[in-house]
Protein backbone atom coordinates (compact mmCIF):
# COMPACT_ATOMS: atom_id res chain seq x y z
CA UNK A 1 2.16 -11.77 -25.44
CA UNK A 2 1.48 -14.09 -22.24
CA UNK A 3 3.59 -13.59 -18.92
CA UNK A 4 5.75 -16.50 -19.66
CA UNK A 5 6.80 -14.74 -23.32
CA UNK A 6 7.13 -11.46 -21.39
CA UNK A 7 9.34 -13.04 -18.81
CA UNK A 8 11.57 -14.90 -21.44
CA UNK A 9 12.15 -11.52 -23.43
CA UNK A 10 12.73 -9.43 -20.42
CA UNK A 11 11.50 -6.21 -21.96
CA UNK A 12 11.87 -2.74 -20.21
CA UNK A 13 8.86 -1.19 -18.07
CA UNK A 14 7.98 2.09 -17.55
CA UNK A 15 5.70 3.45 -14.52
CA UNK A 16 5.79 6.65 -13.27
CA UNK A 17 8.20 7.77 -16.13
CA UNK A 18 10.88 5.72 -14.34
CA UNK A 19 12.30 2.43 -16.22
CA UNK A 20 12.83 -0.63 -14.93
CA UNK A 21 14.52 -4.38 -16.31
CA UNK A 22 12.37 -6.21 -13.84
CA UNK A 23 8.90 -6.79 -13.04
CA UNK A 24 9.76 -6.62 -9.26
CA UNK A 25 11.55 -3.28 -9.32
CA UNK A 26 8.68 -2.08 -11.58
CA UNK A 27 6.00 -3.51 -8.51
CA UNK A 28 8.22 -1.28 -5.50
CA UNK A 29 7.77 1.61 -7.96
CA UNK A 30 4.05 1.66 -6.09
CA UNK A 31 4.31 -0.06 -3.21
CA UNK A 32 8.00 0.34 -2.28
CA UNK A 33 9.08 2.19 1.21
CA UNK A 34 8.89 2.33 4.48
CA UNK A 35 4.63 3.08 5.01
CA UNK A 36 3.25 2.10 1.34
CA UNK A 37 2.35 -1.38 2.33
CA UNK A 38 1.24 -0.35 5.76
CA UNK A 39 -0.78 2.27 4.91
CA UNK A 40 -2.41 -0.15 1.95
CA UNK A 41 -3.18 -3.02 4.62
CA UNK A 42 -4.66 -1.14 6.71
CA UNK A 43 -7.64 -0.52 3.86
CA UNK A 44 -6.92 -4.27 2.83
CA UNK A 45 -10.37 -5.38 4.77
CA UNK A 46 -12.28 -1.69 4.95
CA UNK A 47 -12.63 2.17 4.09
CA UNK A 48 -11.02 4.44 6.24
CA UNK A 49 -11.06 7.58 7.69
CA UNK A 50 -7.58 9.87 7.73
CA UNK A 51 -7.84 9.96 11.44
CA UNK A 52 -8.32 6.12 11.84
CA UNK A 53 -5.43 5.54 9.77
CA UNK A 54 -3.42 8.33 11.64
CA UNK A 55 -4.24 6.38 14.93
CA UNK A 56 -3.68 2.81 13.55
CA UNK A 57 -0.38 3.36 11.70
CA UNK A 58 2.36 3.95 15.40
CA UNK A 59 5.07 5.61 14.03
CA UNK A 60 3.58 7.74 10.96
CA UNK A 61 3.58 11.41 11.08
CA UNK A 62 0.49 13.46 9.45
CA UNK A 63 2.89 14.95 6.23
CA UNK A 64 4.01 11.56 5.67
CA UNK A 65 0.05 9.92 5.88
CA UNK A 66 -1.05 12.64 3.96
CA UNK A 67 1.99 12.51 1.09
CA UNK A 68 1.76 8.90 0.96
CA UNK A 69 -1.74 8.44 0.54
CA UNK A 70 -1.68 11.42 -2.52
CA UNK A 71 1.22 9.15 -4.29
CA UNK A 72 -1.25 5.91 -3.85
CA UNK A 73 -4.10 7.65 -5.28
CA UNK A 74 -1.89 9.54 -8.12
CA UNK A 75 -0.63 5.79 -8.72
CA UNK A 76 -4.07 4.43 -8.82
CA UNK A 77 -4.12 1.93 -5.70
CA UNK A 78 -6.23 4.39 -3.64
CA UNK A 79 -9.63 6.42 -3.78
CA UNK A 80 -10.12 9.32 -1.74
CA UNK A 81 -13.88 10.80 -1.13
CA UNK A 82 -14.83 13.89 0.30
CA UNK A 83 -18.27 14.09 1.80
CA UNK A 84 -18.95 17.90 2.64
CA UNK A 85 -22.64 18.44 2.62
CA UNK A 86 -22.58 19.34 5.89
CA UNK A 87 -19.63 19.98 8.65
CA UNK A 88 -17.57 18.48 9.72
CA UNK A 89 -15.71 17.60 6.42
CA UNK A 90 -15.38 13.78 5.68
CA UNK A 91 -12.63 12.11 3.97
CA UNK A 92 -12.50 8.26 3.25
CA UNK A 93 -9.59 6.09 1.76
CA UNK A 94 -10.30 3.16 0.47
CA UNK A 95 -8.60 0.26 -2.47
CA UNK A 96 -9.48 0.82 -5.90
CA UNK A 97 -9.89 -2.30 -7.68
CA UNK A 98 -6.44 -2.68 -9.12
CA UNK A 99 -5.23 -1.97 -5.00
CA UNK A 100 -7.65 -4.71 -4.13
CA UNK A 101 -5.53 -7.03 -6.62
CA UNK A 102 -2.36 -6.72 -3.87
CA UNK A 103 -4.41 -8.25 -1.12
CA UNK A 104 -3.29 -11.37 -1.13
CA UNK A 105 0.22 -10.63 -1.97
CA UNK A 106 -0.25 -7.45 0.91
CA UNK A 107 -1.77 -10.97 3.66
CA UNK A 108 1.35 -12.89 2.59
CA UNK A 109 3.93 -10.30 3.64
CA UNK A 110 1.81 -9.59 7.08
CA UNK A 111 2.29 -13.65 7.47
CA UNK A 112 5.73 -13.78 6.65
CA UNK A 113 6.48 -10.68 8.90
CA UNK A 114 5.06 -12.87 11.32
CA UNK A 115 6.82 -15.97 10.72
CA UNK A 116 9.97 -13.91 10.75
CA UNK A 117 9.00 -12.64 14.54
CA UNK A 118 8.35 -15.98 15.28
CA UNK A 119 11.97 -17.67 13.68
CA UNK A 120 14.20 -14.16 14.25
CA UNK A 121 13.06 -12.54 17.04
CA UNK A 122 10.34 -12.13 19.73
CA UNK A 123 6.96 -10.71 20.28
CA UNK A 124 6.41 -7.94 22.68
CA UNK A 125 3.33 -7.78 24.58
CA UNK A 126 2.29 -4.30 26.26
CA UNK A 127 0.93 -4.79 29.99
């Protein structure tokens, strides 16, 4: 069955044990919330270590970053690779192939955010 047929038949979608009647709701089950898309956009261009992400994502707590990374990993969007041959322990996060499929969408959201700032808000530059 192709996507057009699926859309016309309006099947229920089950992801992570939750049933949605809308594909958008199903997608938001994986990437919704305040931080998931922010983490994903920071991983869109290259893999990052935990501390790099923590420094780049202003306002996120260590606990929240850790929990969100675990959830993104469980959902198959992010991989976590541990290098432990010699101290210090190095952990690197990267998008999976499934996660990479989100990159054009994430870039679109980022671009729309810039448009929204131009249209409805303002840019605040730090000195």
